[in-house]
Amino acid sequence: MGRNDVKLYIGLAGPLLLFVYLPLVLIVLAVLFSKIKSWKHRAWVAPLCLILAYAIPLGDVTWHSWNMAKVCPKAGLHVYRTAVVDGFLGEFSGGDTLRQHPYVFVERTTFPGTSDAVRFSRSGDKVINIRIPRPTAEWEYIRAPFDYPDKLLGVTVNREIIRNRVTGEVIAEDISFRAWRGWIDAKIASVIDNVAGVCYERPGMSDKFPEILVPSGTTK
């Protein structure tokens, strides 16, 4: 199936609809046909019943799935340009980042929404960290924001970006979309975690960020 095709985004409601609701609909149709003797009446009653039987559980699912079909081609990693950097600010950066990639330093805020940060840098073969009053990195890798419902698009959006903290320029973004649940899945979700489906591409930002924010150590 192509990325522009419409597919139904159904979570745990799927088995319920298939194994409980569908047999019930077929039984009701069989009873109606046995009660209605006139083929003239059957000709409009049957289509009406089928339309209602579909629309009641799947009307909102179809609309949400149509919205996903429109936005899914935009999902994935989009790199507009790269930059060579000594380091960056990132929510999940730390000592392991320096051990895996030849950055001079990395920073992360101590807690979301706070101004102070922790700076990780090299000292010989070791990685040390110190608390600083505020981040000093020119570049940052963030989720901005994480999972927000977009009423205009009719989907939930998750966006990771790499941007310049001074100019605000975004040089790369990784976008994924999550379908809104139909009402049955929403009822199930009140008891059991239940996601209708997502649309994304791999590899994503977490796999490719060293190719976007290129460590200066690799260019020496």
C-alpha atoms as a PDB file:
ATOM      1  CA  MET A   1       0.000   0.000   0.000  1.00  0.00           C
ATOM      2  CA  GLY A   2       1.327   3.428  -0.908  1.00  0.00           C
ATOM      3  CA  ARG A   3       1.810   6.176   1.645  1.00  0.00           C
ATOM      4  CA  ASN A   4      -1.084   8.197   0.211  1.00  0.00           C
ATOM      5  CA  ASP A   5      -3.584   5.343   0.528  1.00  0.00           C
ATOM      6  CA  VAL A   6      -6.209   5.493   3.276  1.00  0.00           C
ATOM      7  CA  LYS A   7      -6.023   2.731   5.850  1.00  0.00           C
ATOM      8  CA  LEU A   8      -8.147   2.449   8.956  1.00  0.00           C
ATOM      9  CA  TYR A   9      -6.268   3.261  12.156  1.00  0.00           C
ATOM     10  CA  ILE A  10      -7.884   0.968  14.720  1.00  0.00           C
ATOM     11  CA  GLY A  11      -6.409  -0.139  18.033  1.00  0.00           C
ATOM     12  CA  LEU A  12      -7.810  -2.777  20.369  1.00  0.00           C
ATOM     13  CA  ALA A  13     -11.277  -2.103  18.974  1.00  0.00           C
ATOM     14  CA  GLY A  14     -10.311  -4.232  15.948  1.00  0.00           C
ATOM     15  CA  PRO A  15     -10.848  -7.690  17.520  1.00  0.00           C
ATOM     16  CA  LEU A  16     -14.040  -6.472  19.211  1.00  0.00           C
ATOM     17  CA  LEU A  17     -15.473  -5.236  15.920  1.00  0.00           C
ATOM     18  CA  LEU A  18     -14.409  -8.335  13.995  1.00  0.00           C
ATOM     19  CA  PHE A  19     -15.421 -11.080  16.392  1.00  0.00           C
ATOM     20  CA  VAL A  20     -18.363  -9.511  18.249  1.00  0.00           C
ATOM     21  CA  TYR A  21     -19.834  -6.594  16.324  1.00  0.00           C
ATOM     22  CA  LEU A  22     -19.673  -8.048  12.775  1.00  0.00           C
ATOM     23  CA  PRO A  23     -21.439 -11.337  13.670  1.00  0.00           C
ATOM     24  CA  LEU A  24     -24.080  -9.311  15.525  1.00  0.00           C
ATOM     25  CA  VAL A  25     -24.667  -7.132  12.449  1.00  0.00           C
ATOM     26  CA  LEU A  26     -25.030 -10.199  10.237  1.00  0.00           C
ATOM     27  CA  ILE A  27     -27.533 -11.739  12.660  1.00  0.00           C
ATOM     28  CA  VAL A  28     -29.594  -8.538  12.758  1.00  0.00           C
ATOM     29  CA  LEU A  29     -29.614  -8.358   8.934  1.00  0.00           C
ATOM     30  CA  ALA A  30     -30.730 -11.980   8.697  1.00  0.00           C
ATOM     31  CA  VAL A  31     -33.583 -11.322  11.143  1.00  0.00           C
ATOM     32  CA  LEU A  32     -34.639  -8.203   9.240  1.00  0.00           C
ATOM     33  CA  PHE A  33     -34.677 -10.063   5.948  1.00  0.00           C
ATOM     34  CA  SER A  34     -36.807 -12.789   7.479  1.00  0.00           C
ATOM     35  CA  LYS A  35     -39.298 -10.185   8.735  1.00  0.00           C
ATOM     36  CA  ILE A  36     -39.416  -8.127   5.535  1.00  0.00           C
ATOM     37  CA  LYS A  37     -40.976 -10.136   2.736  1.00  0.00           C
ATOM     38  CA  SER A  38     -41.073  -7.412   0.109  1.00  0.00           C
ATOM     39  CA  TRP A  39     -37.959  -7.180  -2.067  1.00  0.00           C
ATOM     40  CA  LYS A  40     -38.815  -3.548  -2.667  1.00  0.00           C
ATOM     41  CA  HIS A  41     -38.435  -2.796   1.028  1.00  0.00           C
ATOM     42  CA  ARG A  42     -35.363  -4.962   1.326  1.00  0.00           C
ATOM     43  CA  ALA A  43     -33.711  -2.930  -1.469  1.00  0.00           C
ATOM     44  CA  TRP A  44     -33.507   0.191   0.731  1.00  0.00           C
ATOM     45  CA  VAL A  45     -33.506  -1.313   4.231  1.00  0.00           C
ATOM     46  CA  ALA A  46     -30.371  -3.431   3.637  1.00  0.00           C
ATOM     47  CA  PRO A  47     -28.134  -0.570   2.355  1.00  0.00           C
ATOM     48  CA  LEU A  48     -29.384   1.729   5.132  1.00  0.00           C
ATOM     49  CA  CYS A  49     -28.612  -0.854   7.793  1.00  0.00           C
ATOM     50  CA  LEU A  50     -25.146  -1.481   6.346  1.00  0.00           C
ATOM     51  CA  ILE A  51     -24.358   2.242   6.250  1.00  0.00           C
ATOM     52  CA  LEU A  52     -25.465   2.683   9.871  1.00  0.00           C
ATOM     53  CA  ALA A  53     -23.634  -0.470  10.937  1.00  0.00           C
ATOM     54  CA  TYR A  54     -20.421   0.956   9.495  1.00  0.00           C
ATOM     55  CA  ALA A  55     -20.877   4.598  10.522  1.00  0.00           C
ATOM     56  CA  ILE A  56     -21.690   3.981  14.188  1.00  0.00           C
ATOM     57  CA  PRO A  57     -18.371   2.329  15.133  1.00  0.00           C
ATOM     58  CA  LEU A  58     -16.157   3.538  12.278  1.00  0.00           C
ATOM     59  CA  GLY A  59     -17.420   6.950  11.157  1.00  0.00           C
ATOM     60  CA  ASP A  60     -14.941   8.918  13.275  1.00  0.00           C
ATOM     61  CA  VAL A  61     -12.201   6.345  12.603  1.00  0.00           C
ATOM     62  CA  THR A  62     -12.631   6.903   8.864  1.00  0.00           C
ATOM     63  CA  TRP A  63     -12.322  10.674   9.285  1.00  0.00           C
ATOM     64  CA  HIS A  64      -9.228  10.353  11.454  1.00  0.00           C
ATOM     65  CA  SER A  65      -7.708   7.901   8.987  1.00  0.00           C
ATOM     66  CA  TRP A  66      -8.371  10.307   6.121  1.00  0.00           C
ATOM     67  CA  ASN A  67      -6.494  12.984   8.045  1.00  0.00           C
ATOM     68  CA  MET A  68      -3.571  10.593   8.533  1.00  0.00           C
ATOM     69  CA  ALA A  69      -3.501   9.805   4.812  1.00  0.00           C
ATOM     70  CA  LYS A  70      -3.063  13.519   4.090  1.00  0.00           C
ATOM     71  CA  VAL A  71      -0.217  14.106   6.550  1.00  0.00           C
ATOM     72  CA  CYS A  72       1.714  10.816   6.406  1.00  0.00           C
ATOM     73  CA  PRO A  73       3.725  11.823   3.298  1.00  0.00           C
ATOM     74  CA  LYS A  74       5.222  14.599   5.440  1.00  0.00           C
ATOM     75  CA  ALA A  75       6.453  12.179   8.114  1.00  0.00           C
ATOM     76  CA  GLY A  76      10.147  11.464   8.550  1.00  0.00           C
ATOM     77  CA  LEU A  77      13.466  13.237   8.845  1.00  0.00           C
ATOM     78  CA  HIS A  78      13.948  16.440   6.840  1.00  0.00           C
ATOM     79  CA  VAL A  79      17.496  17.850   6.766  1.00  0.00           C
ATOM     80  CA  TYR A  80      17.784  21.360   5.370  1.00  0.00           C
ATOM     81  CA  ARG A  81      21.488  21.790   6.017  1.00  0.00           C
ATOM     82  CA  THR A  82      24.260  20.584   8.316  1.00  0.00           C
ATOM     83  CA  ALA A  83      26.620  22.409  10.685  1.00  0.00           C
ATOM     84  CA  VAL A  84      30.038  21.605  12.141  1.00  0.00           C
ATOM     85  CA  VAL A  85      29.924  22.179  15.911  1.00  0.00           C
ATOM     86  CA  ASP A  86      32.050  21.723  19.013  1.00  0.00           C
ATOM     87  CA  GLY A  87      28.984  20.697  20.991  1.00  0.00           C
ATOM     88  CA  PHE A  88      25.261  21.156  21.506  1.00  0.00           C
ATOM     89  CA  LEU A  89      22.472  21.311  24.052  1.00  0.00           C
ATOM     90  CA  GLY A  90      20.241  18.239  24.152  1.00  0.00           C
ATOM     91  CA  GLU A  91      17.649  16.830  26.512  1.00  0.00           C
ATOM     92  CA  PHE A  92      19.212  13.367  26.428  1.00  0.00           C
ATOM     93  CA  SER A  93      22.879  14.235  25.938  1.00  0.00           C
ATOM     94  CA  GLY A  94      25.507  13.203  28.462  1.00  0.00           C
ATOM     95  CA  GLY A  95      28.778  11.392  28.959  1.00  0.00           C
ATOM     96  CA  ASP A  96      27.781   8.549  26.637  1.00  0.00           C
ATOM     97  CA  THR A  97      27.336  11.052  23.802  1.00  0.00           C
ATOM     98  CA  LEU A  98      30.976  12.141  24.158  1.00  0.00           C
ATOM     99  CA  ARG A  99      32.166   8.539  24.329  1.00  0.00           C
ATOM    100  CA  GLN A 100      30.345   7.673  21.120  1.00  0.00           C
ATOM    101  CA  HIS A 101      30.995  10.872  19.132  1.00  0.00           C
ATOM    102  CA  PRO A 102      33.988  13.278  19.026  1.00  0.00           C
ATOM    103  CA  TYR A 103      32.198  16.383  20.288  1.00  0.00           C
ATOM    104  CA  VAL A 104      34.220  18.725  22.507  1.00  0.00           C
ATOM    105  CA  PHE A 105      31.279  19.094  24.914  1.00  0.00           C
ATOM    106  CA  VAL A 106      27.569  18.493  25.303  1.00  0.00           C
ATOM    107  CA  GLU A 107      25.097  20.153  27.637  1.00  0.00           C
ATOM    108  CA  ARG A 108      21.685  19.408  29.026  1.00  0.00           C
ATOM    109  CA  THR A 109      19.342  21.301  31.294  1.00  0.00           C
ATOM    110  CA  THR A 110      19.115  19.933  34.826  1.00  0.00           C
ATOM    111  CA  PHE A 111      15.312  19.885  34.771  1.00  0.00           C
ATOM    112  CA  PRO A 112      12.798  20.869  32.061  1.00  0.00           C
ATOM    113  CA  GLY A 113      12.022  24.575  32.260  1.00  0.00           C
ATOM    114  CA  THR A 114      15.042  25.466  34.403  1.00  0.00           C
ATOM    115  CA  SER A 115      17.804  27.834  33.269  1.00  0.00           C
ATOM    116  CA  ASP A 116      20.839  26.047  34.703  1.00  0.00           C
ATOM    117  CA  ALA A 117      22.529  23.178  32.890  1.00  0.00           C
ATOM    118  CA  VAL A 118      25.112  20.420  33.189  1.00  0.00           C
ATOM    119  CA  ARG A 119      28.099  20.588  30.852  1.00  0.00           C
ATOM    120  CA  PHE A 120      29.959  17.383  29.924  1.00  0.00           C
ATOM    121  CA  SER A 121      33.484  17.757  28.535  1.00  0.00           C
ATOM    122  CA  ARG A 122      36.693  15.782  28.112  1.00  0.00           C
ATOM    123  CA  SER A 123      39.583  15.701  30.546  1.00  0.00           C
ATOM    124  CA  GLY A 124      42.171  13.375  29.034  1.00  0.00           C
ATOM    125  CA  ASP A 125      40.532   9.969  28.748  1.00  0.00           C
ATOM    126  CA  LYS A 126      37.789  10.888  31.183  1.00  0.00           C
ATOM    127  CA  VAL A 127      34.504  12.703  30.865  1.00  0.00           C
ATOM    128  CA  ILE A 128      33.779  15.279  33.541  1.00  0.00           C
ATOM    129  CA  ASN A 129      30.641  17.284  34.211  1.00  0.00           C
ATOM    130  CA  ILE A 130      30.017  20.595  35.921  1.00  0.00           C
ATOM    131  CA  ARG A 131      26.887  22.603  36.611  1.00  0.00           C
ATOM    132  CA  ILE A 132      26.717  25.948  34.832  1.00  0.00           C
ATOM    133  CA  PRO A 133      24.257  28.853  35.329  1.00  0.00           C
ATOM    134  CA  ARG A 134      22.897  28.572  31.788  1.00  0.00           C
ATOM    135  CA  PRO A 135      23.622  26.672  28.569  1.00  0.00           C
ATOM    136  CA  THR A 136      26.397  28.044  26.369  1.00  0.00           C
ATOM    137  CA  ALA A 137      25.886  25.882  23.245  1.00  0.00           C
ATOM    138  CA  GLU A 138      24.846  27.661  20.056  1.00  0.00           C
ATOM    139  CA  TRP A 139      22.889  24.638  18.808  1.00  0.00           C
ATOM    140  CA  GLU A 140      20.240  22.482  20.432  1.00  0.00           C
ATOM    141  CA  TYR A 141      18.491  19.207  19.712  1.00  0.00           C
ATOM    142  CA  ILE A 142      15.006  19.171  21.242  1.00  0.00           C
ATOM    143  CA  ARG A 143      11.513  17.793  21.035  1.00  0.00           C
ATOM    144  CA  ALA A 144       9.369  20.845  20.403  1.00  0.00           C
ATOM    145  CA  PRO A 145       6.840  20.085  21.741  1.00  0.00           C
ATOM    146  CA  PHE A 146       6.314  16.370  22.359  1.00  0.00           C
ATOM    147  CA  ASP A 147       2.977  14.956  21.151  1.00  0.00           C
ATOM    148  CA  TYR A 148       0.619  17.901  20.688  1.00  0.00           C
ATOM    149  CA  PRO A 149      -2.858  17.613  19.111  1.00  0.00           C
ATOM    150  CA  ASP A 150      -3.145  19.694  15.954  1.00  0.00           C
ATOM    151  CA  LYS A 151      -6.834  20.529  15.497  1.00  0.00           C
ATOM    152  CA  LEU A 152      -6.278  21.906  11.998  1.00  0.00           C
ATOM    153  CA  LEU A 153      -4.617  18.685  10.771  1.00  0.00           C
ATOM    154  CA  GLY A 154      -6.784  16.408  12.893  1.00  0.00           C
ATOM    155  CA  VAL A 155      -3.843  14.352  14.183  1.00  0.00           C
ATOM    156  CA  THR A 156      -1.344  14.345  17.040  1.00  0.00           C
ATOM    157  CA  VAL A 157       2.098  15.607  16.021  1.00  0.00           C
ATOM    158  CA  ASN A 158       5.480  14.691  17.474  1.00  0.00           C
ATOM    159  CA  ARG A 159       8.330  16.910  16.290  1.00  0.00           C
ATOM    160  CA  GLU A 160      12.051  16.742  17.023  1.00  0.00           C
ATOM    161  CA  ILE A 161      14.194  19.603  15.762  1.00  0.00           C
ATOM    162  CA  ILE A 162      17.760  20.831  15.582  1.00  0.00           C
ATOM    163  CA  ARG A 163      17.950  24.604  15.722  1.00  0.00           C
ATOM    164  CA  ASN A 164      20.272  27.523  16.351  1.00  0.00           C
ATOM    165  CA  ARG A 165      19.597  28.928  19.821  1.00  0.00           C
ATOM    166  CA  VAL A 166      20.691  32.420  18.746  1.00  0.00           C
ATOM    167  CA  THR A 167      18.891  32.847  15.412  1.00  0.00           C
ATOM    168  CA  GLY A 168      16.122  30.274  15.789  1.00  0.00           C
ATOM    169  CA  GLU A 169      17.023  28.691  12.421  1.00  0.00           C
ATOM    170  CA  VAL A 170      15.808  25.082  12.149  1.00  0.00           C
ATOM    171  CA  ILE A 171      18.222  22.996  10.093  1.00  0.00           C
ATOM    172  CA  ALA A 172      16.525  19.608  10.563  1.00  0.00           C
ATOM    173  CA  GLU A 173      13.262  18.214  11.845  1.00  0.00           C
ATOM    174  CA  ASP A 174      11.877  14.730  12.386  1.00  0.00           C
ATOM    175  CA  ILE A 175       8.079  14.562  12.273  1.00  0.00           C
ATOM    176  CA  SER A 176       5.740  11.735  13.166  1.00  0.00           C
ATOM    177  CA  PHE A 177       1.966  11.644  13.428  1.00  0.00           C
ATOM    178  CA  ARG A 178      -0.414   9.663  15.620  1.00  0.00           C
ATOM    179  CA  ALA A 179      -4.018   9.008  14.653  1.00  0.00           C
ATOM    180  CA  TRP A 180      -6.790  10.138  16.938  1.00  0.00           C
ATOM    181  CA  ARG A 181      -8.705   7.241  18.419  1.00  0.00           C
ATOM    182  CA  GLY A 182     -12.236   6.351  17.458  1.00  0.00           C
ATOM    183  CA  TRP A 183     -14.789   6.440  20.262  1.00  0.00           C
ATOM    184  CA  ILE A 184     -14.571   2.694  20.959  1.00  0.00           C
ATOM    185  CA  ASP A 185     -10.776   2.801  21.203  1.00  0.00           C
ATOM    186  CA  ALA A 186     -11.108   5.873  23.447  1.00  0.00           C
ATOM    187  CA  LYS A 187     -13.421   3.912  25.773  1.00  0.00           C
ATOM    188  CA  ILE A 188     -10.941   1.029  25.868  1.00  0.00           C
ATOM    189  CA  ALA A 189      -8.099   3.483  26.534  1.00  0.00           C
ATOM    190  CA  SER A 190      -9.827   4.563  29.758  1.00  0.00           C
ATOM    191  CA  VAL A 191      -8.957   1.095  31.080  1.00  0.00           C
ATOM    192  CA  ILE A 192      -6.105  -0.204  28.874  1.00  0.00           C
ATOM    193  CA  ASP A 193      -3.384   1.780  27.096  1.00  0.00           C
ATOM    194  CA  ASN A 194      -4.610   1.712  23.530  1.00  0.00           C
ATOM    195  CA  VAL A 195      -3.047   3.542  20.542  1.00  0.00           C
ATOM    196  CA  ALA A 196      -4.750   3.624  17.154  1.00  0.00           C
ATOM    197  CA  GLY A 197      -1.540   3.908  15.109  1.00  0.00           C
ATOM    198  CA  VAL A 198       1.357   6.117  14.084  1.00  0.00           C
ATOM    199  CA  CYS A 199       3.015   7.269  10.890  1.00  0.00           C
ATOM    200  CA  TYR A 200       6.794   7.771  10.907  1.00  0.00           C
ATOM    201  CA  GLU A 201       9.967   7.006   8.961  1.00  0.00           C
ATOM    202  CA  ARG A 202      13.267   5.414   9.943  1.00  0.00           C
ATOM    203  CA  PRO A 203      16.092   6.206  10.388  1.00  0.00           C
ATOM    204  CA  GLY A 204      15.082   9.116  12.571  1.00  0.00           C
ATOM    205  CA  MET A 205      16.733  12.078  14.226  1.00  0.00           C
ATOM    206  CA  SER A 206      18.305  10.063  17.047  1.00  0.00           C
ATOM    207  CA  ASP A 207      20.160   7.923  14.482  1.00  0.00           C
ATOM    208  CA  LYS A 208      21.275  10.768  12.231  1.00  0.00           C
ATOM    209  CA  PHE A 209      21.998  13.756  14.492  1.00  0.00           C
ATOM    210  CA  PRO A 210      25.835  13.339  14.315  1.00  0.00           C
ATOM    211  CA  GLU A 211      25.516  13.689  10.526  1.00  0.00           C
ATOM    212  CA  ILE A 212      23.563  16.934  10.958  1.00  0.00           C
ATOM    213  CA  LEU A 213      25.443  18.469  13.878  1.00  0.00           C
ATOM    214  CA  VAL A 214      28.801  17.206  12.693  1.00  0.00           C
ATOM    215  CA  PRO A 215      31.334  16.898  15.552  1.00  0.00           C
ATOM    216  CA  SER A 216      34.284  19.231  14.943  1.00  0.00           C
ATOM    217  CA  GLY A 217      36.594  16.408  16.009  1.00  0.00           C
ATOM    218  CA  THR A 218      35.796  14.506  12.811  1.00  0.00           C
ATOM    219  CA  THR A 219      36.948  17.399  10.611  1.00  0.00           C
ATOM    220  CA  LYS A 220      40.415  17.784  12.136  1.00  0.00           C
END
